[in-house]
Amino acid sequence: MTELGEFLRACRARVTAEQVGLPTTGHRRVPGLRREELASLAGVSVDYIVRLEQGRVKSASSAILTALARALELRPDEEEYLLRCAVEASAFGGAKPPGPRSQQVSQATQVLLDSMVNIPALVLGRRMDILAWNSLSAALFTDYSRLPSRRRNHMWLTFLDPEVRGLYANWERVAQECVAYLRMDAGRYPDDPELARLVGELSMKDPDFRRWWSDRWVRSQRPGRKEFVHAVAGELILDFQVLDVRGAADQSLLVYTAEPHSPSAQALTFLAGWAATGLPARPRNGTGPPPRPEEASAPRRSKDGA
């Protein structure tokens, strides 16, 4: 079974007959469209659907794949992933494609990050690796400089770091979206050994990740809003944007902003001032609730001095 076949099966299972205007007659042993229904909607043979899902088609026509995407009512990013899976399956004649290049952030990009003193910002690379950051993003999430390079990964921290995981007021929604982003990224470099290592570790250590990864949801990174419960700044509602870093392959700038004059903006300003003191990003092993920004006169260290 190929990724193309697995993805097609997963998409077919998510579409109901009612959704695409087909009658719902007869007993259905499994959810979703039957192969013959998908074949009829896309204008292809049932045998072709079977061979696609079983990985027995060496080179799938882009026109047929587009027809399947339309029949399955895929979003543009899902259709992109479907086409990319087909290209990866046939483009190199069975040979492995060239591996991804090393990831480096330019000095100009780092200067840009450092100049954004009132906005949490970081640069994400392949696999959602955290390549660079500014002091406010470290204050918001964690002190990345203290982490081994392999732990500077947005996925790993979201699932396996208890403190980062606890930052999100709606962790499940955030985590599911992250899995869909990673699956989309995996389509670009399906033979990346570091990606395979990351997916393997997360699958072994977190049942939620394992289940969501097998669901094969994909999504391109997009702007949105996240709610945080921070140990120092309290509750924050921040909008985020993901911007491409031109001239740097597979690098994106992730920035968080608060609505002007909102309580979240005040909390972010407080956190920026706290970060400017040079204290670690978050106190560890502290006791009692954190001070509210409007009540705290100065940041305090936790008992262990961190």
Protein backbone atom coordinates (compact mmCIF):
# COMPACT_ATOMS: atom_id res chain seq x y z
CA MET A 1 0.00 0.00 0.00
CA THR A 2 1.34 3.44 -0.94
CA GLU A 3 0.69 6.80 0.74
CA LEU A 4 -1.40 7.73 -2.31
CA GLY A 5 -3.59 4.67 -1.80
CA GLU A 6 -3.86 5.14 1.96
CA PHE A 7 -4.78 8.79 1.55
CA LEU A 8 -7.45 7.99 -1.05
CA ARG A 9 -8.97 5.36 1.24
CA ALA A 10 -8.99 7.78 4.18
CA CYS A 11 -10.64 10.53 2.10
CA ARG A 12 -13.22 8.13 0.70
CA ALA A 13 -14.12 7.00 4.23
CA ARG A 14 -14.81 10.59 5.29
CA VAL A 15 -17.35 11.38 2.56
CA THR A 16 -20.96 10.26 2.93
CA ALA A 17 -23.30 9.42 0.08
CA GLU A 18 -25.69 12.16 1.23
CA GLN A 19 -22.87 14.68 1.10
CA VAL A 20 -22.38 14.16 -2.64
CA GLY A 21 -26.06 13.75 -3.48
CA LEU A 22 -26.20 9.95 -3.84
CA PRO A 23 -29.01 7.73 -2.55
CA THR A 24 -28.26 5.83 0.64
CA THR A 25 -29.58 2.37 -0.22
CA GLY A 26 -28.35 -0.95 1.10
CA HIS A 27 -26.26 -1.85 4.13
CA ARG A 28 -22.82 -0.24 4.34
CA ARG A 29 -20.19 -2.32 6.07
CA VAL A 30 -17.76 0.59 6.32
CA PRO A 31 -18.35 4.36 6.48
CA GLY A 32 -17.94 6.60 3.48
CA LEU A 33 -18.33 6.17 -0.24
CA ARG A 34 -18.15 2.80 -1.91
CA ARG A 35 -15.50 2.38 -4.59
CA GLU A 36 -18.13 2.08 -7.29
CA GLU A 37 -19.74 5.34 -6.13
CA LEU A 38 -16.44 7.20 -6.23
CA ALA A 39 -15.68 5.70 -9.65
CA SER A 40 -19.03 6.87 -10.98
CA LEU A 41 -18.59 10.39 -9.62
CA ALA A 42 -15.05 10.71 -11.01
CA GLY A 43 -15.75 9.04 -14.35
CA VAL A 44 -13.24 6.20 -13.95
CA SER A 45 -13.50 2.44 -13.61
CA VAL A 46 -13.89 0.68 -10.29
CA ASP A 47 -10.83 -1.41 -11.16
CA TYR A 48 -8.75 1.76 -11.50
CA ILE A 49 -9.83 2.89 -8.01
CA VAL A 50 -8.88 -0.54 -6.63
CA ARG A 51 -5.46 -0.44 -8.27
CA LEU A 52 -4.82 3.11 -7.06
CA GLU A 53 -5.67 2.23 -3.48
CA GLN A 54 -3.55 -0.92 -3.62
CA GLY A 55 -0.56 0.93 -5.06
CA ARG A 56 -0.61 -0.92 -8.38
CA VAL A 57 -0.71 2.19 -10.59
CA LYS A 58 2.81 3.34 -11.50
CA SER A 59 1.84 6.72 -12.91
CA ALA A 60 -1.54 8.27 -12.13
CA SER A 61 -2.93 10.87 -14.53
CA SER A 62 -3.22 14.34 -13.02
CA ALA A 63 -6.57 14.75 -14.79
CA ILE A 64 -7.93 11.61 -13.12
CA LEU A 65 -6.54 12.63 -9.73
CA THR A 66 -8.17 16.05 -10.11
CA ALA A 67 -11.46 14.37 -10.95
CA LEU A 68 -11.13 12.20 -7.84
CA ALA A 69 -10.37 15.28 -5.74
CA ARG A 70 -13.51 16.99 -7.05
CA ALA A 71 -15.60 13.89 -6.39
CA LEU A 72 -14.28 13.66 -2.83
CA GLU A 73 -14.80 17.41 -2.33
CA LEU A 74 -11.21 17.89 -1.21
CA ARG A 75 -9.97 21.31 -0.14
CA PRO A 76 -7.20 22.87 -2.27
CA ASP A 77 -4.49 21.81 0.19
CA GLU A 78 -5.84 18.25 0.30
CA GLU A 79 -5.87 18.13 -3.50
CA GLU A 80 -2.29 19.43 -3.51
CA TYR A 81 -1.29 16.63 -1.16
CA LEU A 82 -3.04 14.02 -3.32
CA LEU A 83 -1.19 15.20 -6.44
CA ARG A 84 2.10 15.38 -4.57
CA CYS A 85 1.71 11.78 -3.37
CA ALA A 86 1.22 10.68 -6.97
CA VAL A 87 4.28 12.61 -8.14
CA GLU A 88 6.47 11.16 -5.39
CA ALA A 89 5.29 7.66 -6.28
CA SER A 90 6.34 7.95 -9.92
CA ALA A 91 8.80 10.82 -10.40
CA PHE A 92 11.95 8.91 -9.52
CA GLY A 93 11.23 5.59 -11.17
CA GLY A 94 11.34 3.69 -7.90
CA ALA A 95 14.55 5.37 -6.72
CA LYS A 96 14.56 7.50 -3.61
CA PRO A 97 14.34 11.25 -4.23
CA PRO A 98 17.21 13.43 -3.06
CA GLY A 99 17.16 14.11 0.67
CA PRO A 100 16.30 17.51 2.12
CA ARG A 101 19.04 20.09 2.45
CA SER A 102 20.32 21.35 5.78
CA GLN A 103 18.30 24.09 7.44
CA GLN A 104 19.97 27.40 8.26
CA VAL A 105 18.52 30.80 9.09
CA SER A 106 20.18 33.83 7.57
CA GLN A 107 21.67 36.55 9.74
CA ALA A 108 19.18 39.04 8.28
CA THR A 109 16.28 36.85 9.39
CA GLN A 110 17.68 36.60 12.90
CA VAL A 111 18.12 40.38 13.06
CA LEU A 112 14.49 40.72 12.00
CA LEU A 113 13.39 38.38 14.79
CA ASP A 114 15.43 40.23 17.40
CA SER A 115 13.94 43.56 16.34
CA MET A 116 10.40 42.31 16.98
CA VAL A 117 10.61 42.95 20.70
CA ASN A 118 6.85 43.22 21.30
CA ILE A 119 5.78 40.31 19.08
CA PRO A 120 6.49 36.62 19.76
CA ALA A 121 8.05 35.28 16.56
CA LEU A 122 9.97 32.23 15.47
CA VAL A 123 11.11 30.55 12.28
CA LEU A 124 9.83 27.06 11.49
CA GLY A 125 11.57 24.73 9.08
CA ARG A 126 10.82 21.25 7.78
CA ARG A 127 9.12 18.91 10.24
CA MET A 128 8.14 22.08 12.15
CA ASP A 129 11.66 22.33 13.53
CA ILE A 130 12.23 25.58 15.43
CA LEU A 131 15.23 27.14 13.70
CA ALA A 132 15.30 30.60 15.29
CA TRP A 133 13.28 32.66 17.76
CA ASN A 134 13.15 35.95 19.61
CA SER A 135 13.12 36.52 23.36
CA LEU A 136 9.36 37.05 23.57
CA SER A 137 8.56 33.74 21.85
CA ALA A 138 10.91 32.04 24.34
CA ALA A 139 9.08 33.79 27.18
CA LEU A 140 5.72 32.68 25.79
CA PHE A 141 6.61 29.04 25.11
CA THR A 142 9.91 27.85 26.59
CA ASP A 143 13.61 28.67 26.70
CA TYR A 144 14.61 27.01 23.43
CA SER A 145 18.30 27.65 24.08
CA ARG A 146 18.21 25.14 26.94
CA LEU A 147 16.83 22.37 24.74
CA PRO A 148 18.84 19.86 22.70
CA SER A 149 18.48 20.60 19.00
CA ARG A 150 16.25 17.55 18.44
CA ARG A 151 13.81 18.86 21.02
CA ARG A 152 13.49 22.23 19.29
CA ASN A 153 10.51 21.02 17.35
CA HIS A 154 7.02 22.47 17.55
CA MET A 155 5.38 19.02 17.27
CA TRP A 156 7.54 17.40 19.94
CA LEU A 157 6.97 20.24 22.38
CA THR A 158 3.21 20.37 21.73
CA PHE A 159 2.76 16.67 22.47
CA LEU A 160 5.56 15.67 24.83
CA ASP A 161 6.54 18.74 26.85
CA PRO A 162 4.00 18.98 29.72
CA GLU A 163 4.49 22.72 30.24
CA VAL A 164 4.16 23.66 26.58
CA ARG A 165 1.19 21.32 26.25
CA GLY A 166 -0.42 22.98 29.25
CA LEU A 167 -0.13 26.44 27.68
CA TYR A 168 -2.97 25.80 25.25
CA ALA A 169 -6.49 26.40 26.54
CA ASN A 170 -7.75 24.15 23.72
CA TRP A 171 -4.87 21.72 23.36
CA GLU A 172 -6.76 19.07 21.39
CA ARG A 173 -7.75 21.43 18.57
CA VAL A 174 -4.25 22.91 18.35
CA ALA A 175 -2.62 19.49 18.40
CA GLN A 176 -4.88 18.06 15.70
CA GLU A 177 -4.10 20.99 13.42
CA CYS A 178 -0.38 20.51 14.04
CA VAL A 179 -0.66 16.86 13.00
CA ALA A 180 -2.40 17.90 9.77
CA TYR A 181 0.37 20.46 9.12
CA LEU A 182 3.05 17.82 9.67
CA ARG A 183 1.28 15.37 7.36
CA MET A 184 1.23 18.06 4.66
CA ASP A 185 4.95 18.64 5.20
CA ALA A 186 5.60 14.91 5.00
CA GLY A 187 4.27 14.92 1.45
CA ARG A 188 7.21 17.09 0.39
CA TYR A 189 9.89 14.81 1.85
CA PRO A 190 8.42 11.34 2.35
CA ASP A 191 11.87 9.76 2.76
CA ASP A 192 13.22 12.22 5.33
CA PRO A 193 14.77 10.02 8.07
CA GLU A 194 14.42 12.73 10.71
CA LEU A 195 10.71 13.01 9.94
CA ALA A 196 10.35 9.24 10.25
CA ARG A 197 12.17 9.35 13.60
CA LEU A 198 9.90 12.15 14.87
CA VAL A 199 6.69 10.43 13.76
CA GLY A 200 7.89 7.17 15.27
CA GLU A 201 8.68 8.71 18.63
CA LEU A 202 5.41 10.64 18.82
CA SER A 203 3.41 7.59 17.74
CA MET A 204 5.05 5.45 20.40
CA LYS A 205 4.68 7.97 23.24
CA ASP A 206 1.33 9.62 22.54
CA PRO A 207 -1.85 7.69 21.60
CA ASP A 208 -3.60 10.87 20.41
CA PHE A 209 -0.85 11.58 17.92
CA ARG A 210 -0.87 7.95 16.77
CA ARG A 211 -4.62 8.03 16.14
CA TRP A 212 -4.65 11.43 14.42
CA TRP A 213 -1.66 10.58 12.23
CA SER A 214 -3.41 7.46 10.97
CA ASP A 215 -6.50 9.52 10.11
CA ARG A 216 -4.45 11.26 7.38
CA TRP A 217 -5.93 14.72 7.70
CA VAL A 218 -3.79 17.28 5.86
CA ARG A 219 -3.82 21.06 5.98
CA SER A 220 -1.57 23.88 4.83
CA GLN A 221 -0.49 26.23 7.58
CA ARG A 222 -2.90 29.15 7.81
CA PRO A 223 -3.63 32.14 10.06
CA GLY A 224 -5.79 31.67 13.10
CA ARG A 225 -6.24 32.35 16.79
CA LYS A 226 -5.00 30.53 19.89
CA GLU A 227 -5.82 30.88 23.56
CA PHE A 228 -3.03 30.50 26.09
CA VAL A 229 -2.94 30.13 29.85
CA HIS A 230 0.54 31.36 30.76
CA ALA A 231 2.25 30.86 34.13
CA VAL A 232 3.38 34.49 34.24
CA ALA A 233 1.16 36.53 31.94
CA GLY A 234 -2.12 34.73 32.62
CA GLU A 235 -4.71 34.32 29.87
CA LEU A 236 -3.85 35.51 26.37
CA ILE A 237 -5.84 35.37 23.15
CA LEU A 238 -3.39 35.79 20.27
CA ASP A 239 -3.82 35.83 16.51
CA PHE A 240 -1.10 34.09 14.55
CA GLN A 241 0.14 34.33 10.98
CA VAL A 242 2.48 32.08 9.02
CA LEU A 243 4.60 33.94 6.46
CA ASP A 244 6.99 32.46 3.92
CA VAL A 245 10.65 33.44 4.22
CA ARG A 246 11.51 34.19 0.60
CA GLY A 247 14.82 32.80 -0.61
CA ALA A 248 14.88 30.16 2.16
CA ALA A 249 13.37 26.83 1.16
CA ASP A 250 10.81 25.39 3.60
CA GLN A 251 11.15 28.22 6.13
CA SER A 252 8.22 30.17 7.52
CA LEU A 253 7.92 33.00 10.02
CA LEU A 254 5.32 32.36 12.73
CA VAL A 255 4.20 35.54 14.52
CA TYR A 256 1.65 36.12 17.28
CA THR A 257 -0.20 39.40 17.84
CA ALA A 258 -2.85 40.62 20.25
CA GLU A 259 -5.81 42.85 19.48
CA PRO A 260 -4.75 46.44 20.26
CA HIS A 261 -5.71 47.76 23.72
CA SER A 262 -7.11 44.37 24.75
CA PRO A 263 -6.29 42.57 28.03
CA SER A 264 -4.19 40.18 25.94
CA ALA A 265 -2.20 43.11 24.56
CA GLN A 266 -1.56 44.30 28.12
CA ALA A 267 -0.51 40.80 29.15
CA LEU A 268 1.83 40.55 26.15
CA THR A 269 3.39 43.91 27.02
CA PHE A 270 3.92 42.70 30.57
CA LEU A 271 5.50 39.49 29.30
CA ALA A 272 7.79 41.46 26.98
CA GLY A 273 8.99 43.55 29.92
CA TRP A 274 9.50 40.42 31.98
CA ALA A 275 11.45 38.80 29.15
CA ALA A 276 13.65 41.91 28.86
CA THR A 277 14.94 41.32 32.40
CA GLY A 278 16.83 38.30 31.09
CA LEU A 279 15.02 35.85 33.35
CA PRO A 280 14.22 32.37 31.99
CA ALA A 281 11.16 32.10 29.79
CA ARG A 282 8.96 30.52 32.47
CA PRO A 283 9.42 29.82 36.17
CA ARG A 284 9.56 26.13 37.02
CA ASN A 285 8.34 24.42 40.20
CA GLY A 286 6.77 27.62 41.50
CA THR A 287 3.91 27.48 43.97
CA GLY A 288 0.63 29.33 43.89
CA PRO A 289 -1.05 31.11 40.98
CA PRO A 290 0.99 33.52 38.86
CA PRO A 291 0.53 37.23 39.45
CA ARG A 292 -1.80 39.03 37.07
CA PRO A 293 0.06 41.53 34.84
CA GLU A 294 -1.78 44.50 36.33
CA GLU A 295 -0.98 43.32 39.88
CA ALA A 296 2.65 42.30 39.51
CA SER A 297 5.20 44.98 40.24
CA ALA A 298 8.16 42.83 39.21
CA PRO A 299 8.78 39.31 38.00
CA ARG A 300 9.77 36.77 40.60
CA ARG A 301 11.92 33.68 40.46
CA SER A 302 10.63 30.28 41.49
CA LYS A 303 12.12 28.44 44.44
CA ASP A 304 14.71 26.60 42.38
CA GLY A 305 15.97 29.88 40.98
CA ALA A 306 14.88 29.11 37.42
